[in-house]
Amino acid sequence: MDMGDLLKMGASAFINSKLSGDAGSGLNLDSLTSALSGLTGGNNENGGFDIGNLLGNMQNGGLADIAQSWLGDGDNADIPDDKVTEIFGQDKISDFASQLGLSQEEAVGGLRDALPQIVDKASSGGSLLDSIGGVSGALNMAGKLFGR
């Protein structure tokens, strides 16, 4: 699964999330994919989503256990709303919400459902992101981030 596919899958999870509200369920897949890409500093040309940046922010925010659950093949841990906002920063969440015409609560709610699925799919079954060097690169990066 390439990054574009991952973002589309994440966008679908966002749209299907009960937490993104009626406004979230009515979003256009392409505009949501673009907005998701912008959250982590990925670029729209290649539909980038910087998983390394996301995981680094989670580590720095004391969310290593949650990130590990997303990287592993077991159940994905839930992430609280305030932690989603902390990972990206209030400004990026505000921009993301206004870009899509959502309230901040809807934006954060949809991300609570989409983010674990994006990271989980990116790190499962060997279909890892080229940007972090495949399976061994992701495991090495996760090991460094999580002190293993």
C-alpha atoms as a PDB file:
ATOM      1  CA  MET A   1       0.000   0.000   0.000  1.00  0.00           C
ATOM      2  CA  ASP A   2       1.584   3.281  -1.037  1.00  0.00           C
ATOM      3  CA  MET A   3       1.246   6.596   0.766  1.00  0.00           C
ATOM      4  CA  GLY A   4      -1.570   7.809  -1.463  1.00  0.00           C
ATOM      5  CA  ASP A   5      -3.551   4.656  -0.712  1.00  0.00           C
ATOM      6  CA  LEU A   6      -2.842   5.059   3.001  1.00  0.00           C
ATOM      7  CA  LEU A   7      -4.079   8.630   2.980  1.00  0.00           C
ATOM      8  CA  LYS A   8      -7.228   7.644   1.099  1.00  0.00           C
ATOM      9  CA  MET A   9      -7.848   4.854   3.599  1.00  0.00           C
ATOM     10  CA  GLY A  10      -7.299   7.333   6.456  1.00  0.00           C
ATOM     11  CA  ALA A  11      -9.609   9.839   4.782  1.00  0.00           C
ATOM     12  CA  SER A  12     -12.287   7.142   4.446  1.00  0.00           C
ATOM     13  CA  ALA A  13     -11.890   6.285   8.135  1.00  0.00           C
ATOM     14  CA  PHE A  14     -12.304   9.993   8.945  1.00  0.00           C
ATOM     15  CA  ILE A  15     -15.433  10.290   6.789  1.00  0.00           C
ATOM     16  CA  ASN A  16     -16.910   7.104   8.309  1.00  0.00           C
ATOM     17  CA  SER A  17     -16.094   8.165  11.864  1.00  0.00           C
ATOM     18  CA  LYS A  18     -19.061   8.928  14.065  1.00  0.00           C
ATOM     19  CA  LEU A  19     -16.768  11.399  15.847  1.00  0.00           C
ATOM     20  CA  SER A  20     -16.339  13.625  12.767  1.00  0.00           C
ATOM     21  CA  GLY A  21     -20.049  14.477  12.827  1.00  0.00           C
ATOM     22  CA  ASP A  22     -22.379  15.142   9.913  1.00  0.00           C
ATOM     23  CA  ALA A  23     -19.949  17.690   8.445  1.00  0.00           C
ATOM     24  CA  GLY A  24     -17.136  15.137   8.472  1.00  0.00           C
ATOM     25  CA  SER A  25     -19.209  12.444   6.812  1.00  0.00           C
ATOM     26  CA  GLY A  26     -20.014  14.786   3.932  1.00  0.00           C
ATOM     27  CA  LEU A  27     -16.410  15.643   3.057  1.00  0.00           C
ATOM     28  CA  ASN A  28     -14.803  15.163  -0.339  1.00  0.00           C
ATOM     29  CA  LEU A  29     -12.161  12.413  -0.266  1.00  0.00           C
ATOM     30  CA  ASP A  30      -9.598  14.425  -2.241  1.00  0.00           C
ATOM     31  CA  SER A  31      -9.846  17.585  -0.130  1.00  0.00           C
ATOM     32  CA  LEU A  32      -9.607  15.518   3.051  1.00  0.00           C
ATOM     33  CA  THR A  33      -6.604  13.587   1.724  1.00  0.00           C
ATOM     34  CA  SER A  34      -4.866  16.881   0.948  1.00  0.00           C
ATOM     35  CA  ALA A  35      -5.689  18.290   4.398  1.00  0.00           C
ATOM     36  CA  LEU A  36      -4.402  15.124   6.112  1.00  0.00           C
ATOM     37  CA  SER A  37      -1.176  15.375   4.149  1.00  0.00           C
ATOM     38  CA  GLY A  38      -0.680  18.959   5.283  1.00  0.00           C
ATOM     39  CA  LEU A  39      -1.096  18.084   8.966  1.00  0.00           C
ATOM     40  CA  THR A  40       2.262  16.329   9.220  1.00  0.00           C
ATOM     41  CA  GLY A  41       4.136  18.489   6.778  1.00  0.00           C
ATOM     42  CA  GLY A  42       3.800  16.029   3.919  1.00  0.00           C
ATOM     43  CA  ASN A  43       3.540  17.604   0.509  1.00  0.00           C
ATOM     44  CA  ASN A  44       0.561  17.422  -1.760  1.00  0.00           C
ATOM     45  CA  GLU A  45       2.608  16.497  -4.826  1.00  0.00           C
ATOM     46  CA  ASN A  46       3.207  12.952  -3.619  1.00  0.00           C
ATOM     47  CA  GLY A  47       0.359  12.788  -1.127  1.00  0.00           C
ATOM     48  CA  GLY A  48       2.871  12.605   1.668  1.00  0.00           C
ATOM     49  CA  PHE A  49       2.044  11.926   5.275  1.00  0.00           C
ATOM     50  CA  ASP A  50       5.106  12.076   7.503  1.00  0.00           C
ATOM     51  CA  ILE A  51       4.666   9.053   9.798  1.00  0.00           C
ATOM     52  CA  GLY A  52       8.108   9.673  11.317  1.00  0.00           C
ATOM     53  CA  ASN A  53       7.056  13.194  12.285  1.00  0.00           C
ATOM     54  CA  LEU A  54       3.795  11.900  13.745  1.00  0.00           C
ATOM     55  CA  LEU A  55       5.551   9.176  15.774  1.00  0.00           C
ATOM     56  CA  GLY A  56       8.221  11.624  16.940  1.00  0.00           C
ATOM     57  CA  ASN A  57       5.558  14.039  18.172  1.00  0.00           C
ATOM     58  CA  MET A  58       3.796  11.190  19.960  1.00  0.00           C
ATOM     59  CA  GLN A  59       7.044  10.098  21.616  1.00  0.00           C
ATOM     60  CA  ASN A  60       7.808  13.658  22.703  1.00  0.00           C
ATOM     61  CA  GLY A  61       4.271  13.991  24.063  1.00  0.00           C
ATOM     62  CA  GLY A  62       4.558  10.890  26.252  1.00  0.00           C
ATOM     63  CA  LEU A  63       2.369   8.797  23.955  1.00  0.00           C
ATOM     64  CA  ALA A  64       4.888   6.057  23.130  1.00  0.00           C
ATOM     65  CA  ASP A  65       2.585   3.301  24.431  1.00  0.00           C
ATOM     66  CA  ILE A  66      -0.261   4.442  22.170  1.00  0.00           C
ATOM     67  CA  ALA A  67       2.095   4.718  19.185  1.00  0.00           C
ATOM     68  CA  GLN A  68       3.426   1.218  19.837  1.00  0.00           C
ATOM     69  CA  SER A  69      -0.106  -0.177  19.858  1.00  0.00           C
ATOM     70  CA  TRP A  70      -0.699   1.443  16.458  1.00  0.00           C
ATOM     71  CA  LEU A  71       2.578   0.110  15.033  1.00  0.00           C
ATOM     72  CA  GLY A  72       1.951  -3.414  16.303  1.00  0.00           C
ATOM     73  CA  ASP A  73      -0.498  -5.869  14.834  1.00  0.00           C
ATOM     74  CA  GLY A  74      -2.763  -6.017  17.914  1.00  0.00           C
ATOM     75  CA  ASP A  75      -5.616  -3.706  18.845  1.00  0.00           C
ATOM     76  CA  ASN A  76      -5.037   0.029  18.443  1.00  0.00           C
ATOM     77  CA  ALA A  77      -5.224   2.039  21.656  1.00  0.00           C
ATOM     78  CA  ASP A  78      -7.578   5.013  21.746  1.00  0.00           C
ATOM     79  CA  ILE A  79      -6.103   8.488  21.922  1.00  0.00           C
ATOM     80  CA  PRO A  80      -7.797  11.287  23.900  1.00  0.00           C
ATOM     81  CA  ASP A  81      -8.921  14.458  22.076  1.00  0.00           C
ATOM     82  CA  ASP A  82      -6.465  16.699  23.906  1.00  0.00           C
ATOM     83  CA  LYS A  83      -3.566  14.439  22.911  1.00  0.00           C
ATOM     84  CA  VAL A  84      -4.533  14.609  19.211  1.00  0.00           C
ATOM     85  CA  THR A  85      -4.384  18.399  19.508  1.00  0.00           C
ATOM     86  CA  GLU A  86      -1.008  18.208  21.300  1.00  0.00           C
ATOM     87  CA  ILE A  87       0.544  15.973  18.598  1.00  0.00           C
ATOM     88  CA  PHE A  88      -0.100  18.488  15.834  1.00  0.00           C
ATOM     89  CA  GLY A  89      -0.444  21.734  17.786  1.00  0.00           C
ATOM     90  CA  GLN A  90      -3.504  23.927  18.128  1.00  0.00           C
ATOM     91  CA  ASP A  91      -2.664  26.015  15.051  1.00  0.00           C
ATOM     92  CA  LYS A  92      -2.470  23.032  12.686  1.00  0.00           C
ATOM     93  CA  ILE A  93      -5.684  21.555  14.080  1.00  0.00           C
ATOM     94  CA  SER A  94      -7.421  24.931  13.611  1.00  0.00           C
ATOM     95  CA  ASP A  95      -6.141  25.210  10.040  1.00  0.00           C
ATOM     96  CA  PHE A  96      -7.164  21.618   9.290  1.00  0.00           C
ATOM     97  CA  ALA A  97     -10.676  22.199  10.688  1.00  0.00           C
ATOM     98  CA  SER A  98     -11.205  25.494   8.863  1.00  0.00           C
ATOM     99  CA  GLN A  99      -9.810  24.107   5.585  1.00  0.00           C
ATOM    100  CA  LEU A 100     -12.506  21.420   5.733  1.00  0.00           C
ATOM    101  CA  GLY A 101     -15.311  23.515   7.208  1.00  0.00           C
ATOM    102  CA  LEU A 102     -15.416  21.471  10.420  1.00  0.00           C
ATOM    103  CA  SER A 103     -15.580  22.399  14.065  1.00  0.00           C
ATOM    104  CA  GLN A 104     -12.420  21.646  16.011  1.00  0.00           C
ATOM    105  CA  GLU A 105     -14.279  18.872  17.849  1.00  0.00           C
ATOM    106  CA  GLU A 106     -15.283  17.230  14.553  1.00  0.00           C
ATOM    107  CA  ALA A 107     -11.752  17.564  13.181  1.00  0.00           C
ATOM    108  CA  VAL A 108     -10.148  16.034  16.274  1.00  0.00           C
ATOM    109  CA  GLY A 109     -12.834  13.340  16.493  1.00  0.00           C
ATOM    110  CA  GLY A 110     -12.258  12.208  12.924  1.00  0.00           C
ATOM    111  CA  LEU A 111      -8.497  12.194  13.475  1.00  0.00           C
ATOM    112  CA  ARG A 112      -8.949  10.005  16.575  1.00  0.00           C
ATOM    113  CA  ASP A 113     -10.379   7.320  14.289  1.00  0.00           C
ATOM    114  CA  ALA A 114      -8.201   7.929  11.208  1.00  0.00           C
ATOM    115  CA  LEU A 115      -4.695   8.213  12.709  1.00  0.00           C
ATOM    116  CA  PRO A 116      -4.503   4.766  14.329  1.00  0.00           C
ATOM    117  CA  GLN A 117      -5.685   3.171  11.082  1.00  0.00           C
ATOM    118  CA  ILE A 118      -3.119   5.046   8.959  1.00  0.00           C
ATOM    119  CA  VAL A 119      -0.208   4.086  11.233  1.00  0.00           C
ATOM    120  CA  ASP A 120      -1.484   0.530  11.698  1.00  0.00           C
ATOM    121  CA  LYS A 121      -1.846  -0.082   7.952  1.00  0.00           C
ATOM    122  CA  ALA A 122       1.511   1.560   7.247  1.00  0.00           C
ATOM    123  CA  SER A 123       3.254  -0.809   9.627  1.00  0.00           C
ATOM    124  CA  SER A 124       1.428  -4.105   9.168  1.00  0.00           C
ATOM    125  CA  GLY A 125       2.215  -7.107   7.037  1.00  0.00           C
ATOM    126  CA  GLY A 126       5.392  -5.735   5.491  1.00  0.00           C
ATOM    127  CA  SER A 127       3.705  -2.984   3.456  1.00  0.00           C
ATOM    128  CA  LEU A 128       5.763  -0.345   5.189  1.00  0.00           C
ATOM    129  CA  LEU A 129       6.490   3.103   3.999  1.00  0.00           C
ATOM    130  CA  ASP A 130       9.344   3.539   1.589  1.00  0.00           C
ATOM    131  CA  SER A 131      10.117   6.872   3.228  1.00  0.00           C
ATOM    132  CA  ILE A 132      11.370   5.123   6.367  1.00  0.00           C
ATOM    133  CA  GLY A 133      13.191   2.237   4.722  1.00  0.00           C
ATOM    134  CA  GLY A 134      10.714  -0.612   4.728  1.00  0.00           C
ATOM    135  CA  VAL A 135      10.146  -3.017   7.605  1.00  0.00           C
ATOM    136  CA  SER A 136      13.624  -2.822   9.087  1.00  0.00           C
ATOM    137  CA  GLY A 137      13.638   0.970   8.806  1.00  0.00           C
ATOM    138  CA  ALA A 138      10.327   1.262  10.609  1.00  0.00           C
ATOM    139  CA  LEU A 139      11.387  -1.180  13.290  1.00  0.00           C
ATOM    140  CA  ASN A 140      14.689   0.636  13.750  1.00  0.00           C
ATOM    141  CA  MET A 141      12.918   3.980  13.899  1.00  0.00           C
ATOM    142  CA  ALA A 142      10.328   2.655  16.332  1.00  0.00           C
ATOM    143  CA  GLY A 143      13.087   1.072  18.396  1.00  0.00           C
ATOM    144  CA  LYS A 144      14.955   4.373  18.617  1.00  0.00           C
ATOM    145  CA  LEU A 145      11.778   6.316  19.380  1.00  0.00           C
ATOM    146  CA  PHE A 146      10.628   3.882  22.011  1.00  0.00           C
ATOM    147  CA  GLY A 147      14.006   3.051  23.535  1.00  0.00           C
ATOM    148  CA  ARG A 148      14.257  -0.589  22.466  1.00  0.00           C
END
